[in-house]
Amino acid sequence: MGAPAVLRQPVHGGDLSGLRQAHAGDWIDLSTGINPFAWPVPELPTEAWTRLPSSDDMTALLQAARQAYGAPAEAGIVAVPGTQAAIQLLPRLFARPQGVVRIGILGPTYGEHAHVWRSMGHDVVEIDGVPGSLQGFDVLLAVNPNNPDGRGLGLPLLRRWHEDLAARGGWLILDEAFADVVPEVSFCAEAGKPGLVILRSFGKFFGLAGLRLGFVLGPEIVTGAIRVTAGPWAVSGPALQIGCAALSDTQWQVGMRDELRARARRFDQSMRERGIHVLGGTSLFRLAKIADAASFAAALRGRGIHVRVFDYEPQWMRFGLPADEAEFWRRFVLALSELRG
């Protein structure tokens, strides 16, 4: 038996290690879709750090998440240390008796989904756009709204897909990592039904990615299996308390959605004024079309701005929203002048 094939790890943003030699000053990291205006974390009681997380704290967090996401009381829900942890687990949970699942993944999208299913030996079909038929698929996975283009899938279409798959024992998996900024696209009201799994990220919208907190909603057969596999105390005490408080802060959430939408509109207008076409995105990230994205990204790195480019589309560049708009545009214009000579 030969050695197993080594799959190339997807490239991610958010890590400035190795880049500081390109720019010795302060960096503006726009390589992720994380809110630059984090929910204000209060001082926590000492017990949050010194004692093991309690079941009461977990119950309070899950109740807050259900309410924030609009999930039915009967839906199963489990907290995980970041949705990436759930993404790693799902291919193990959904294996058929023969071991291999045929999964369709709507793309191009977040690369870890295809990567982890392939790494477990499953048959992965990356679908460009919206499939005309789901015949032959055991699982369909979609990111809604999508990363990096912000494409949204309507609720009637999701309902039709779910009914089709569930009727023959299949599953629809939805990654709603960016749905907090557009809650109207969320399918969480249907959570708990057979054949449906939904992932929700906490850190992106609340700007607290380092907390490592996320949720999986679905039938108890799935959420229970994740809970057992993750083991006791999978989520830290501080994450339980901060997550519960933030998810319960509806006033902050409503105000932040409005603020992010306004900033995204200003960003798009500034791009248009500089002759750059914005293709789409969400209010946490914008996708632009630039003739030579790799060269422009290198020019931006030389000015201390880190953005995302994509090897599958050389004219795409994704920007997170800058906290300091004036400083970002100052550096951006210098890089643009450098590129255009």
C-alpha atoms as a PDB file:
ATOM      1  CA  MET A   1       0.000   0.000   0.000  1.00  0.00           C
ATOM      2  CA  GLY A   2       1.452   3.364  -1.019  1.00  0.00           C
ATOM      3  CA  ALA A   3       1.720   6.450   1.137  1.00  0.00           C
ATOM      4  CA  PRO A   4      -1.461   8.523   1.322  1.00  0.00           C
ATOM      5  CA  ALA A   5      -1.636  11.621  -0.866  1.00  0.00           C
ATOM      6  CA  VAL A   6      -0.812  14.853   0.941  1.00  0.00           C
ATOM      7  CA  LEU A   7      -3.476  17.493   0.382  1.00  0.00           C
ATOM      8  CA  ARG A   8      -2.380  21.108   0.156  1.00  0.00           C
ATOM      9  CA  GLN A   9      -3.595  23.116   3.140  1.00  0.00           C
ATOM     10  CA  PRO A  10      -5.847  26.029   2.150  1.00  0.00           C
ATOM     11  CA  VAL A  11      -4.405  29.513   2.518  1.00  0.00           C
ATOM     12  CA  HIS A  12      -5.983  31.706   5.183  1.00  0.00           C
ATOM     13  CA  GLY A  13      -5.772  35.327   6.224  1.00  0.00           C
ATOM     14  CA  GLY A  14      -5.271  36.754   9.680  1.00  0.00           C
ATOM     15  CA  ASP A  15      -1.624  35.829  10.247  1.00  0.00           C
ATOM     16  CA  LEU A  16       1.026  38.517   9.877  1.00  0.00           C
ATOM     17  CA  SER A  17       3.878  36.173  10.754  1.00  0.00           C
ATOM     18  CA  GLY A  18       6.541  36.364   8.068  1.00  0.00           C
ATOM     19  CA  LEU A  19       5.115  39.569   6.574  1.00  0.00           C
ATOM     20  CA  ARG A  20       6.661  42.103   8.904  1.00  0.00           C
ATOM     21  CA  GLN A  21       9.857  42.243   6.881  1.00  0.00           C
ATOM     22  CA  ALA A  22       7.821  43.808   4.056  1.00  0.00           C
ATOM     23  CA  HIS A  23       6.757  46.664   6.319  1.00  0.00           C
ATOM     24  CA  ALA A  24       8.321  47.512   9.674  1.00  0.00           C
ATOM     25  CA  GLY A  25       5.529  49.813  10.889  1.00  0.00           C
ATOM     26  CA  ASP A  26       1.978  49.174  12.043  1.00  0.00           C
ATOM     27  CA  TRP A  27      -0.058  46.802   9.906  1.00  0.00           C
ATOM     28  CA  ILE A  28      -3.639  47.115   8.738  1.00  0.00           C
ATOM     29  CA  ASP A  29      -4.837  43.516   8.505  1.00  0.00           C
ATOM     30  CA  LEU A  30      -7.785  43.295   6.103  1.00  0.00           C
ATOM     31  CA  SER A  31      -7.163  39.652   5.186  1.00  0.00           C
ATOM     32  CA  THR A  32     -10.150  38.339   7.178  1.00  0.00           C
ATOM     33  CA  GLY A  33     -13.831  39.148   7.445  1.00  0.00           C
ATOM     34  CA  ILE A  34     -13.684  39.916  11.159  1.00  0.00           C
ATOM     35  CA  ASN A  35     -15.480  42.975  12.515  1.00  0.00           C
ATOM     36  CA  PRO A  36     -12.816  45.585  13.421  1.00  0.00           C
ATOM     37  CA  PHE A  37     -15.203  47.069  16.019  1.00  0.00           C
ATOM     38  CA  ALA A  38     -15.441  44.352  18.639  1.00  0.00           C
ATOM     39  CA  TRP A  39     -18.205  43.976  21.178  1.00  0.00           C
ATOM     40  CA  PRO A  40     -16.902  45.655  24.366  1.00  0.00           C
ATOM     41  CA  VAL A  41     -15.817  42.843  26.675  1.00  0.00           C
ATOM     42  CA  PRO A  42     -16.479  43.643  30.348  1.00  0.00           C
ATOM     43  CA  GLU A  43     -14.222  42.601  33.196  1.00  0.00           C
ATOM     44  CA  LEU A  44     -14.978  39.007  34.111  1.00  0.00           C
ATOM     45  CA  PRO A  45     -15.208  37.596  37.629  1.00  0.00           C
ATOM     46  CA  THR A  46     -12.122  35.741  38.749  1.00  0.00           C
ATOM     47  CA  GLU A  47     -14.113  32.494  38.866  1.00  0.00           C
ATOM     48  CA  ALA A  48     -14.487  32.554  35.079  1.00  0.00           C
ATOM     49  CA  TRP A  49     -10.758  31.941  34.867  1.00  0.00           C
ATOM     50  CA  THR A  50     -10.123  29.809  37.932  1.00  0.00           C
ATOM     51  CA  ARG A  51     -12.947  27.255  37.954  1.00  0.00           C
ATOM     52  CA  LEU A  52     -14.051  24.728  35.391  1.00  0.00           C
ATOM     53  CA  PRO A  53     -16.895  25.878  33.125  1.00  0.00           C
ATOM     54  CA  SER A  54     -20.257  25.072  34.700  1.00  0.00           C
ATOM     55  CA  SER A  55     -23.290  23.419  33.158  1.00  0.00           C
ATOM     56  CA  ASP A  56     -25.374  26.444  34.176  1.00  0.00           C
ATOM     57  CA  ASP A  57     -23.097  28.737  32.165  1.00  0.00           C
ATOM     58  CA  MET A  58     -23.377  26.432  29.148  1.00  0.00           C
ATOM     59  CA  THR A  59     -27.166  26.318  29.431  1.00  0.00           C
ATOM     60  CA  ALA A  60     -27.342  30.120  29.562  1.00  0.00           C
ATOM     61  CA  LEU A  61     -25.079  30.437  26.509  1.00  0.00           C
ATOM     62  CA  LEU A  62     -27.115  27.983  24.441  1.00  0.00           C
ATOM     63  CA  GLN A  63     -30.364  29.719  25.373  1.00  0.00           C
ATOM     64  CA  ALA A  64     -28.902  33.053  24.306  1.00  0.00           C
ATOM     65  CA  ALA A  65     -27.704  31.538  21.023  1.00  0.00           C
ATOM     66  CA  ARG A  66     -31.106  29.995  20.266  1.00  0.00           C
ATOM     67  CA  GLN A  67     -32.805  33.329  20.786  1.00  0.00           C
ATOM     68  CA  ALA A  68     -30.213  35.319  18.832  1.00  0.00           C
ATOM     69  CA  TYR A  69     -30.381  32.932  15.865  1.00  0.00           C
ATOM     70  CA  GLY A  70     -34.152  32.404  15.929  1.00  0.00           C
ATOM     71  CA  ALA A  71     -33.873  28.634  16.374  1.00  0.00           C
ATOM     72  CA  PRO A  72     -36.834  26.557  17.610  1.00  0.00           C
ATOM     73  CA  ALA A  73     -36.789  25.300  21.188  1.00  0.00           C
ATOM     74  CA  GLU A  74     -36.718  21.689  19.979  1.00  0.00           C
ATOM     75  CA  ALA A  75     -33.627  22.120  17.793  1.00  0.00           C
ATOM     76  CA  GLY A  76     -30.430  20.562  18.995  1.00  0.00           C
ATOM     77  CA  ILE A  77     -27.579  23.012  19.582  1.00  0.00           C
ATOM     78  CA  VAL A  78     -24.008  22.559  20.727  1.00  0.00           C
ATOM     79  CA  ALA A  79     -21.235  25.078  21.377  1.00  0.00           C
ATOM     80  CA  VAL A  80     -17.783  24.386  19.936  1.00  0.00           C
ATOM     81  CA  PRO A  81     -14.394  26.133  20.222  1.00  0.00           C
ATOM     82  CA  GLY A  82     -14.860  27.884  16.874  1.00  0.00           C
ATOM     83  CA  THR A  83     -16.838  26.543  13.912  1.00  0.00           C
ATOM     84  CA  GLN A  84     -13.587  25.290  12.393  1.00  0.00           C
ATOM     85  CA  ALA A  85     -13.678  22.561  15.056  1.00  0.00           C
ATOM     86  CA  ALA A  86     -17.106  21.480  13.774  1.00  0.00           C
ATOM     87  CA  ILE A  87     -15.933  21.636  10.155  1.00  0.00           C
ATOM     88  CA  GLN A  88     -13.202  19.140  11.090  1.00  0.00           C
ATOM     89  CA  LEU A  89     -15.686  16.793  12.771  1.00  0.00           C
ATOM     90  CA  LEU A  90     -18.541  16.683  10.270  1.00  0.00           C
ATOM     91  CA  PRO A  91     -16.871  14.402   7.663  1.00  0.00           C
ATOM     92  CA  ARG A  92     -16.401  11.788  10.386  1.00  0.00           C
ATOM     93  CA  LEU A  93     -20.022  11.952  11.515  1.00  0.00           C
ATOM     94  CA  PHE A  94     -21.593  11.686   8.072  1.00  0.00           C
ATOM     95  CA  ALA A  95     -19.760   8.649   6.730  1.00  0.00           C
ATOM     96  CA  ARG A  96     -22.055   6.100   5.089  1.00  0.00           C
ATOM     97  CA  PRO A  97     -21.809   2.366   5.884  1.00  0.00           C
ATOM     98  CA  GLN A  98     -19.560   2.033   2.848  1.00  0.00           C
ATOM     99  CA  GLY A  99     -17.428   4.810   4.307  1.00  0.00           C
ATOM    100  CA  VAL A 100     -17.570   7.316   1.437  1.00  0.00           C
ATOM    101  CA  VAL A 101     -20.012  10.195   1.044  1.00  0.00           C
ATOM    102  CA  ARG A 102     -20.561  12.052  -2.207  1.00  0.00           C
ATOM    103  CA  ILE A 103     -20.786  15.694  -1.231  1.00  0.00           C
ATOM    104  CA  GLY A 104     -21.481  18.688  -3.435  1.00  0.00           C
ATOM    105  CA  ILE A 105     -19.967  21.969  -2.254  1.00  0.00           C
ATOM    106  CA  LEU A 106     -21.155  25.229  -3.788  1.00  0.00           C
ATOM    107  CA  GLY A 107     -18.100  27.180  -4.782  1.00  0.00           C
ATOM    108  CA  PRO A 108     -15.843  28.914  -4.995  1.00  0.00           C
ATOM    109  CA  THR A 109     -16.014  29.240  -1.229  1.00  0.00           C
ATOM    110  CA  TYR A 110     -14.177  28.753   2.062  1.00  0.00           C
ATOM    111  CA  GLY A 111     -11.487  26.226   1.181  1.00  0.00           C
ATOM    112  CA  GLU A 112     -11.485  24.249   4.435  1.00  0.00           C
ATOM    113  CA  HIS A 113     -14.805  22.582   3.637  1.00  0.00           C
ATOM    114  CA  ALA A 114     -13.579  20.723   0.557  1.00  0.00           C
ATOM    115  CA  HIS A 115     -10.186  20.161   2.159  1.00  0.00           C
ATOM    116  CA  VAL A 116     -11.438  18.353   5.267  1.00  0.00           C
ATOM    117  CA  TRP A 117     -13.969  16.181   3.397  1.00  0.00           C
ATOM    118  CA  ARG A 118     -11.280  15.153   0.895  1.00  0.00           C
ATOM    119  CA  SER A 119      -8.810  14.478   3.702  1.00  0.00           C
ATOM    120  CA  MET A 120     -11.272  11.903   5.070  1.00  0.00           C
ATOM    121  CA  GLY A 121     -11.473  10.192   1.678  1.00  0.00           C
ATOM    122  CA  HIS A 122     -14.946  11.366   0.655  1.00  0.00           C
ATOM    123  CA  ASP A 123     -16.008  12.077  -2.929  1.00  0.00           C
ATOM    124  CA  VAL A 124     -16.057  15.877  -3.172  1.00  0.00           C
ATOM    125  CA  VAL A 125     -17.642  17.669  -6.126  1.00  0.00           C
ATOM    126  CA  GLU A 126     -17.112  21.424  -6.153  1.00  0.00           C
ATOM    127  CA  ILE A 127     -20.084  23.026  -7.914  1.00  0.00           C
ATOM    128  CA  ASP A 128     -19.634  26.348  -9.649  1.00  0.00           C
ATOM    129  CA  GLY A 129     -22.856  28.238  -9.061  1.00  0.00           C
ATOM    130  CA  VAL A 130     -26.255  26.771  -8.226  1.00  0.00           C
ATOM    131  CA  PRO A 131     -26.840  23.101  -9.156  1.00  0.00           C
ATOM    132  CA  GLY A 132     -29.747  22.186 -11.384  1.00  0.00           C
ATOM    133  CA  SER A 133     -30.139  18.799  -9.735  1.00  0.00           C
ATOM    134  CA  LEU A 134     -29.042  17.183  -6.472  1.00  0.00           C
ATOM    135  CA  GLN A 135     -29.381  13.628  -7.724  1.00  0.00           C
ATOM    136  CA  GLY A 136     -26.397  11.512  -6.783  1.00  0.00           C
ATOM    137  CA  PHE A 137     -25.372  13.638  -3.796  1.00  0.00           C
ATOM    138  CA  ASP A 138     -25.559  12.383  -0.210  1.00  0.00           C
ATOM    139  CA  VAL A 139     -24.724  15.841   1.176  1.00  0.00           C
ATOM    140  CA  LEU A 140     -24.916  19.370  -0.179  1.00  0.00           C
ATOM    141  CA  LEU A 141     -22.863  22.054   1.572  1.00  0.00           C
ATOM    142  CA  ALA A 142     -23.311  25.774   1.026  1.00  0.00           C
ATOM    143  CA  VAL A 143     -21.896  28.878   2.701  1.00  0.00           C
ATOM    144  CA  ASN A 144     -24.693  31.440   3.020  1.00  0.00           C
ATOM    145  CA  PRO A 145     -23.878  34.276   2.538  1.00  0.00           C
ATOM    146  CA  ASN A 146     -20.911  33.015   0.608  1.00  0.00           C
ATOM    147  CA  ASN A 147     -17.260  33.787   1.181  1.00  0.00           C
ATOM    148  CA  PRO A 148     -15.682  35.511  -0.772  1.00  0.00           C
ATOM    149  CA  ASP A 149     -18.387  36.927  -3.075  1.00  0.00           C
ATOM    150  CA  GLY A 150     -21.251  37.411  -0.609  1.00  0.00           C
ATOM    151  CA  ARG A 151     -23.712  35.419  -2.723  1.00  0.00           C
ATOM    152  CA  GLY A 152     -26.946  34.781  -0.839  1.00  0.00           C
ATOM    153  CA  LEU A 153     -29.283  31.826  -1.297  1.00  0.00           C
ATOM    154  CA  GLY A 154     -33.002  32.450  -0.931  1.00  0.00           C
ATOM    155  CA  LEU A 155     -35.025  30.606   1.689  1.00  0.00           C
ATOM    156  CA  PRO A 156     -37.372  28.961  -0.864  1.00  0.00           C
ATOM    157  CA  LEU A 157     -34.385  27.437  -2.677  1.00  0.00           C
ATOM    158  CA  LEU A 158     -32.847  26.204   0.581  1.00  0.00           C
ATOM    159  CA  ARG A 159     -36.163  24.720   1.613  1.00  0.00           C
ATOM    160  CA  ARG A 160     -36.487  22.898  -1.708  1.00  0.00           C
ATOM    161  CA  TRP A 161     -32.950  21.523  -1.466  1.00  0.00           C
ATOM    162  CA  HIS A 162     -33.473  20.411   2.122  1.00  0.00           C
ATOM    163  CA  GLU A 163     -36.734  18.628   1.326  1.00  0.00           C
ATOM    164  CA  ASP A 164     -35.150  16.886  -1.673  1.00  0.00           C
ATOM    165  CA  LEU A 165     -32.160  15.643   0.297  1.00  0.00           C
ATOM    166  CA  ALA A 166     -33.987  14.734   3.516  1.00  0.00           C
ATOM    167  CA  ALA A 167     -36.607  12.715   1.620  1.00  0.00           C
ATOM    168  CA  ARG A 168     -33.910  10.238   0.579  1.00  0.00           C
ATOM    169  CA  GLY A 169     -31.807  10.321   3.741  1.00  0.00           C
ATOM    170  CA  GLY A 170     -29.434  13.054   2.574  1.00  0.00           C
ATOM    171  CA  TRP A 171     -28.246  16.173   4.351  1.00  0.00           C
ATOM    172  CA  LEU A 172     -28.026  19.900   3.724  1.00  0.00           C
ATOM    173  CA  ILE A 173     -25.172  21.578   5.600  1.00  0.00           C
ATOM    174  CA  LEU A 174     -25.235  25.375   5.768  1.00  0.00           C
ATOM    175  CA  ASP A 175     -22.304  27.442   6.964  1.00  0.00           C
ATOM    176  CA  GLU A 176     -23.832  30.721   8.153  1.00  0.00           C
ATOM    177  CA  ALA A 177     -20.567  32.225   9.393  1.00  0.00           C
ATOM    178  CA  PHE A 178     -21.487  35.687   8.058  1.00  0.00           C
ATOM    179  CA  ALA A 179     -25.261  35.561   8.517  1.00  0.00           C
ATOM    180  CA  ASP A 180     -25.201  37.841  11.581  1.00  0.00           C
ATOM    181  CA  VAL A 181     -24.924  40.867   9.287  1.00  0.00           C
ATOM    182  CA  VAL A 182     -27.845  39.701   7.109  1.00  0.00           C
ATOM    183  CA  PRO A 183     -30.049  37.681   9.478  1.00  0.00           C
ATOM    184  CA  GLU A 184     -32.829  37.545   6.885  1.00  0.00           C
ATOM    185  CA  VAL A 185     -30.864  34.903   4.920  1.00  0.00           C
ATOM    186  CA  SER A 186     -30.559  32.558   7.895  1.00  0.00           C
ATOM    187  CA  PHE A 187     -32.255  29.170   7.758  1.00  0.00           C
ATOM    188  CA  CYS A 188     -32.063  28.732  11.544  1.00  0.00           C
ATOM    189  CA  ALA A 189     -35.854  28.865  11.922  1.00  0.00           C
ATOM    190  CA  GLU A 190     -35.833  25.395  10.328  1.00  0.00           C
ATOM    191  CA  ALA A 191     -33.078  24.044  12.611  1.00  0.00           C
ATOM    192  CA  GLY A 192     -33.705  20.677  14.224  1.00  0.00           C
ATOM    193  CA  LYS A 193     -35.394  19.102  11.212  1.00  0.00           C
ATOM    194  CA  PRO A 194     -33.965  15.814   9.913  1.00  0.00           C
ATOM    195  CA  GLY A 195     -31.324  16.253   7.243  1.00  0.00           C
ATOM    196  CA  LEU A 196     -30.297  19.812   8.170  1.00  0.00           C
ATOM    197  CA  VAL A 197     -27.144  21.062   9.917  1.00  0.00           C
ATOM    198  CA  ILE A 198     -26.303  24.749  10.391  1.00  0.00           C
ATOM    199  CA  LEU A 199     -22.999  26.236  11.533  1.00  0.00           C
ATOM    200  CA  ARG A 200     -22.858  29.660  13.198  1.00  0.00           C
ATOM    201  CA  SER A 201     -19.688  31.612  13.939  1.00  0.00           C
ATOM    202  CA  PHE A 202     -19.516  33.939  16.943  1.00  0.00           C
ATOM    203  CA  GLY A 203     -16.172  35.676  16.498  1.00  0.00           C
ATOM    204  CA  LYS A 204     -16.647  37.285  13.081  1.00  0.00           C
ATOM    205  CA  PHE A 205     -19.595  39.593  13.740  1.00  0.00           C
ATOM    206  CA  PHE A 206     -18.705  40.281  17.366  1.00  0.00           C
ATOM    207  CA  GLY A 207     -15.064  40.928  16.437  1.00  0.00           C
ATOM    208  CA  LEU A 208     -13.796  38.389  18.970  1.00  0.00           C
ATOM    209  CA  ALA A 209     -12.266  35.695  16.773  1.00  0.00           C
ATOM    210  CA  GLY A 210      -9.603  34.933  19.369  1.00  0.00           C
ATOM    211  CA  LEU A 211     -12.282  33.749  21.777  1.00  0.00           C
ATOM    212  CA  ARG A 212     -12.828  30.653  19.573  1.00  0.00           C
ATOM    213  CA  LEU A 213     -16.558  30.105  19.883  1.00  0.00           C
ATOM    214  CA  GLY A 214     -19.152  28.770  17.482  1.00  0.00           C
ATOM    215  CA  PHE A 215     -22.336  26.717  17.335  1.00  0.00           C
ATOM    216  CA  VAL A 216     -23.831  23.780  15.471  1.00  0.00           C
ATOM    217  CA  LEU A 217     -27.607  23.505  15.159  1.00  0.00           C
ATOM    218  CA  GLY A 218     -29.361  20.375  13.950  1.00  0.00           C
ATOM    219  CA  PRO A 219     -31.046  17.159  15.038  1.00  0.00           C
ATOM    220  CA  GLU A 220     -29.875  15.841  18.383  1.00  0.00           C
ATOM    221  CA  ILE A 221     -28.313  12.838  16.620  1.00  0.00           C
ATOM    222  CA  VAL A 222     -25.762  15.284  15.158  1.00  0.00           C
ATOM    223  CA  THR A 223     -25.369  17.826  17.953  1.00  0.00           C
ATOM    224  CA  GLY A 224     -25.210  15.070  20.547  1.00  0.00           C
ATOM    225  CA  ALA A 225     -22.490  13.253  18.618  1.00  0.00           C
ATOM    226  CA  ILE A 226     -20.460  16.495  18.375  1.00  0.00           C
ATOM    227  CA  ARG A 227     -20.922  17.104  22.114  1.00  0.00           C
ATOM    228  CA  VAL A 228     -19.643  13.618  22.952  1.00  0.00           C
ATOM    229  CA  THR A 229     -16.741  13.836  20.503  1.00  0.00           C
ATOM    230  CA  ALA A 230     -15.667  17.289  21.712  1.00  0.00           C
ATOM    231  CA  GLY A 231     -15.673  16.061  25.297  1.00  0.00           C
ATOM    232  CA  PRO A 232     -16.248  17.954  28.542  1.00  0.00           C
ATOM    233  CA  TRP A 233     -15.233  21.616  28.895  1.00  0.00           C
ATOM    234  CA  ALA A 234     -14.658  22.070  25.163  1.00  0.00           C
ATOM    235  CA  VAL A 235     -15.583  25.761  25.506  1.00  0.00           C
ATOM    236  CA  SER A 236     -13.751  27.882  28.074  1.00  0.00           C
ATOM    237  CA  GLY A 237     -15.428  29.612  31.005  1.00  0.00           C
ATOM    238  CA  PRO A 238     -14.614  33.107  29.693  1.00  0.00           C
ATOM    239  CA  ALA A 239     -16.035  32.177  26.279  1.00  0.00           C
ATOM    240  CA  LEU A 240     -19.264  30.952  27.885  1.00  0.00           C
ATOM    241  CA  GLN A 241     -19.789  34.188  29.803  1.00  0.00           C
ATOM    242  CA  ILE A 242     -18.695  36.583  27.061  1.00  0.00           C
ATOM    243  CA  GLY A 243     -20.675  34.723  24.415  1.00  0.00           C
ATOM    244  CA  CYS A 244     -23.849  34.730  26.500  1.00  0.00           C
ATOM    245  CA  ALA A 245     -23.608  38.454  27.254  1.00  0.00           C
ATOM    246  CA  ALA A 246     -22.816  39.450  23.670  1.00  0.00           C
ATOM    247  CA  LEU A 247     -25.534  37.302  22.099  1.00  0.00           C
ATOM    248  CA  SER A 248     -28.038  38.832  24.532  1.00  0.00           C
ATOM    249  CA  ASP A 249     -27.012  42.401  23.660  1.00  0.00           C
ATOM    250  CA  THR A 250     -29.559  43.009  20.901  1.00  0.00           C
ATOM    251  CA  GLN A 251     -29.128  46.793  21.006  1.00  0.00           C
ATOM    252  CA  TRP A 252     -25.432  46.507  20.147  1.00  0.00           C
ATOM    253  CA  GLN A 253     -26.184  44.010  17.370  1.00  0.00           C
ATOM    254  CA  VAL A 254     -28.783  46.211  15.670  1.00  0.00           C
ATOM    255  CA  GLY A 255     -26.563  49.278  15.877  1.00  0.00           C
ATOM    256  CA  MET A 256     -23.519  47.407  14.614  1.00  0.00           C
ATOM    257  CA  ARG A 257     -25.361  46.046  11.583  1.00  0.00           C
ATOM    258  CA  ASP A 258     -26.316  49.598  10.627  1.00  0.00           C
ATOM    259  CA  GLU A 259     -22.752  50.848  11.187  1.00  0.00           C
ATOM    260  CA  LEU A 260     -21.200  48.082   9.099  1.00  0.00           C
ATOM    261  CA  ARG A 261     -23.644  48.618   6.230  1.00  0.00           C
ATOM    262  CA  ALA A 262     -22.832  52.336   6.174  1.00  0.00           C
ATOM    263  CA  ARG A 263     -19.093  51.649   6.180  1.00  0.00           C
ATOM    264  CA  ALA A 264     -19.424  49.077   3.396  1.00  0.00           C
ATOM    265  CA  ARG A 265     -21.290  51.623   1.256  1.00  0.00           C
ATOM    266  CA  ARG A 266     -18.560  54.221   1.839  1.00  0.00           C
ATOM    267  CA  PHE A 267     -15.888  51.643   0.989  1.00  0.00           C
ATOM    268  CA  ASP A 268     -17.586  50.750  -2.300  1.00  0.00           C
ATOM    269  CA  GLN A 269     -18.002  54.394  -3.247  1.00  0.00           C
ATOM    270  CA  SER A 270     -14.321  55.098  -2.555  1.00  0.00           C
ATOM    271  CA  MET A 271     -13.349  52.099  -4.678  1.00  0.00           C
ATOM    272  CA  ARG A 272     -15.501  53.293  -7.577  1.00  0.00           C
ATOM    273  CA  GLU A 273     -13.937  56.756  -7.347  1.00  0.00           C
ATOM    274  CA  ARG A 274     -10.553  55.105  -7.884  1.00  0.00           C
ATOM    275  CA  GLY A 275     -11.715  53.078 -10.866  1.00  0.00           C
ATOM    276  CA  ILE A 276     -12.003  49.738  -9.066  1.00  0.00           C
ATOM    277  CA  HIS A 277     -15.042  47.517  -9.536  1.00  0.00           C
ATOM    278  CA  VAL A 278     -16.546  45.928  -6.414  1.00  0.00           C
ATOM    279  CA  LEU A 279     -18.073  42.553  -7.252  1.00  0.00           C
ATOM    280  CA  GLY A 280     -19.890  41.960  -3.980  1.00  0.00           C
ATOM    281  CA  GLY A 281     -19.348  40.690  -0.466  1.00  0.00           C
ATOM    282  CA  THR A 282     -21.005  41.291   2.887  1.00  0.00           C
ATOM    283  CA  SER A 283     -20.724  44.270   5.202  1.00  0.00           C
ATOM    284  CA  LEU A 284     -17.753  42.509   6.832  1.00  0.00           C
ATOM    285  CA  PHE A 285     -15.741  42.087   3.615  1.00  0.00           C
ATOM    286  CA  ARG A 286     -15.766  43.365   0.036  1.00  0.00           C
ATOM    287  CA  LEU A 287     -14.620  41.538  -3.100  1.00  0.00           C
ATOM    288  CA  ALA A 288     -13.037  43.684  -5.820  1.00  0.00           C
ATOM    289  CA  LYS A 289     -11.881  42.997  -9.368  1.00  0.00           C
ATOM    290  CA  ILE A 290      -8.348  44.209 -10.051  1.00  0.00           C
ATOM    291  CA  ALA A 291      -6.337  43.411 -13.199  1.00  0.00           C
ATOM    292  CA  ASP A 292      -3.273  41.982 -11.433  1.00  0.00           C
ATOM    293  CA  ALA A 293      -4.404  41.262  -7.902  1.00  0.00           C
ATOM    294  CA  ALA A 294      -1.180  39.520  -6.858  1.00  0.00           C
ATOM    295  CA  SER A 295       0.999  42.496  -7.845  1.00  0.00           C
ATOM    296  CA  PHE A 296      -1.345  44.959  -6.171  1.00  0.00           C
ATOM    297  CA  ALA A 297      -1.448  42.842  -3.008  1.00  0.00           C
ATOM    298  CA  ALA A 298       2.357  42.907  -2.938  1.00  0.00           C
ATOM    299  CA  ALA A 299       2.306  46.712  -3.294  1.00  0.00           C
ATOM    300  CA  LEU A 300      -0.189  46.915  -0.436  1.00  0.00           C
ATOM    301  CA  ARG A 301       1.980  44.690   1.743  1.00  0.00           C
ATOM    302  CA  GLY A 302       4.840  47.083   1.138  1.00  0.00           C
ATOM    303  CA  ARG A 303       2.584  49.786   2.615  1.00  0.00           C
ATOM    304  CA  GLY A 304       1.544  47.640   5.585  1.00  0.00           C
ATOM    305  CA  ILE A 305      -1.853  46.459   4.307  1.00  0.00           C
ATOM    306  CA  HIS A 306      -2.614  42.724   4.270  1.00  0.00           C
ATOM    307  CA  VAL A 307      -5.458  41.547   1.991  1.00  0.00           C
ATOM    308  CA  ARG A 308      -6.613  38.254   0.465  1.00  0.00           C
ATOM    309  CA  VAL A 309      -5.986  37.109  -3.093  1.00  0.00           C
ATOM    310  CA  PHE A 310      -7.108  33.817  -4.640  1.00  0.00           C
ATOM    311  CA  ASP A 311      -5.094  31.429  -6.778  1.00  0.00           C
ATOM    312  CA  TYR A 312      -8.245  30.249  -8.601  1.00  0.00           C
ATOM    313  CA  GLU A 313      -9.146  33.791  -9.722  1.00  0.00           C
ATOM    314  CA  PRO A 314      -6.158  36.118 -10.391  1.00  0.00           C
ATOM    315  CA  GLN A 315      -8.352  39.226 -10.633  1.00  0.00           C
ATOM    316  CA  TRP A 316     -10.054  38.869  -7.254  1.00  0.00           C
ATOM    317  CA  MET A 317      -8.995  40.693  -4.104  1.00  0.00           C
ATOM    318  CA  ARG A 318     -10.942  40.612  -0.849  1.00  0.00           C
ATOM    319  CA  PHE A 319     -10.809  43.418   1.696  1.00  0.00           C
ATOM    320  CA  GLY A 320     -12.002  43.354   5.261  1.00  0.00           C
ATOM    321  CA  LEU A 321     -13.344  46.686   6.494  1.00  0.00           C
ATOM    322  CA  PRO A 322     -10.663  49.012   7.939  1.00  0.00           C
ATOM    323  CA  ALA A 323     -11.121  50.452  11.423  1.00  0.00           C
ATOM    324  CA  ASP A 324      -9.128  53.577  10.490  1.00  0.00           C
ATOM    325  CA  GLU A 325     -10.558  54.549   7.104  1.00  0.00           C
ATOM    326  CA  ALA A 326      -8.380  57.647   6.608  1.00  0.00           C
ATOM    327  CA  GLU A 327      -5.112  55.799   7.203  1.00  0.00           C
ATOM    328  CA  PHE A 328      -6.169  52.880   5.031  1.00  0.00           C
ATOM    329  CA  TRP A 329      -7.029  55.094   2.069  1.00  0.00           C
ATOM    330  CA  ARG A 330      -3.805  57.070   2.470  1.00  0.00           C
ATOM    331  CA  ARG A 331      -1.740  53.893   2.147  1.00  0.00           C
ATOM    332  CA  PHE A 332      -4.048  52.445  -0.495  1.00  0.00           C
ATOM    333  CA  VAL A 333      -3.629  55.446  -2.785  1.00  0.00           C
ATOM    334  CA  LEU A 334       0.159  55.298  -2.433  1.00  0.00           C
ATOM    335  CA  ALA A 335       0.138  51.590  -3.388  1.00  0.00           C
ATOM    336  CA  LEU A 336      -2.221  52.252  -6.284  1.00  0.00           C
ATOM    337  CA  SER A 337       0.078  55.001  -7.583  1.00  0.00           C
ATOM    338  CA  GLU A 338       3.042  52.646  -7.288  1.00  0.00           C
ATOM    339  CA  LEU A 339       1.238  49.926  -9.254  1.00  0.00           C
ATOM    340  CA  ARG A 340       0.060  52.238 -12.017  1.00  0.00           C
ATOM    341  CA  GLY A 341       3.446  53.948 -12.278  1.00  0.00           C
END
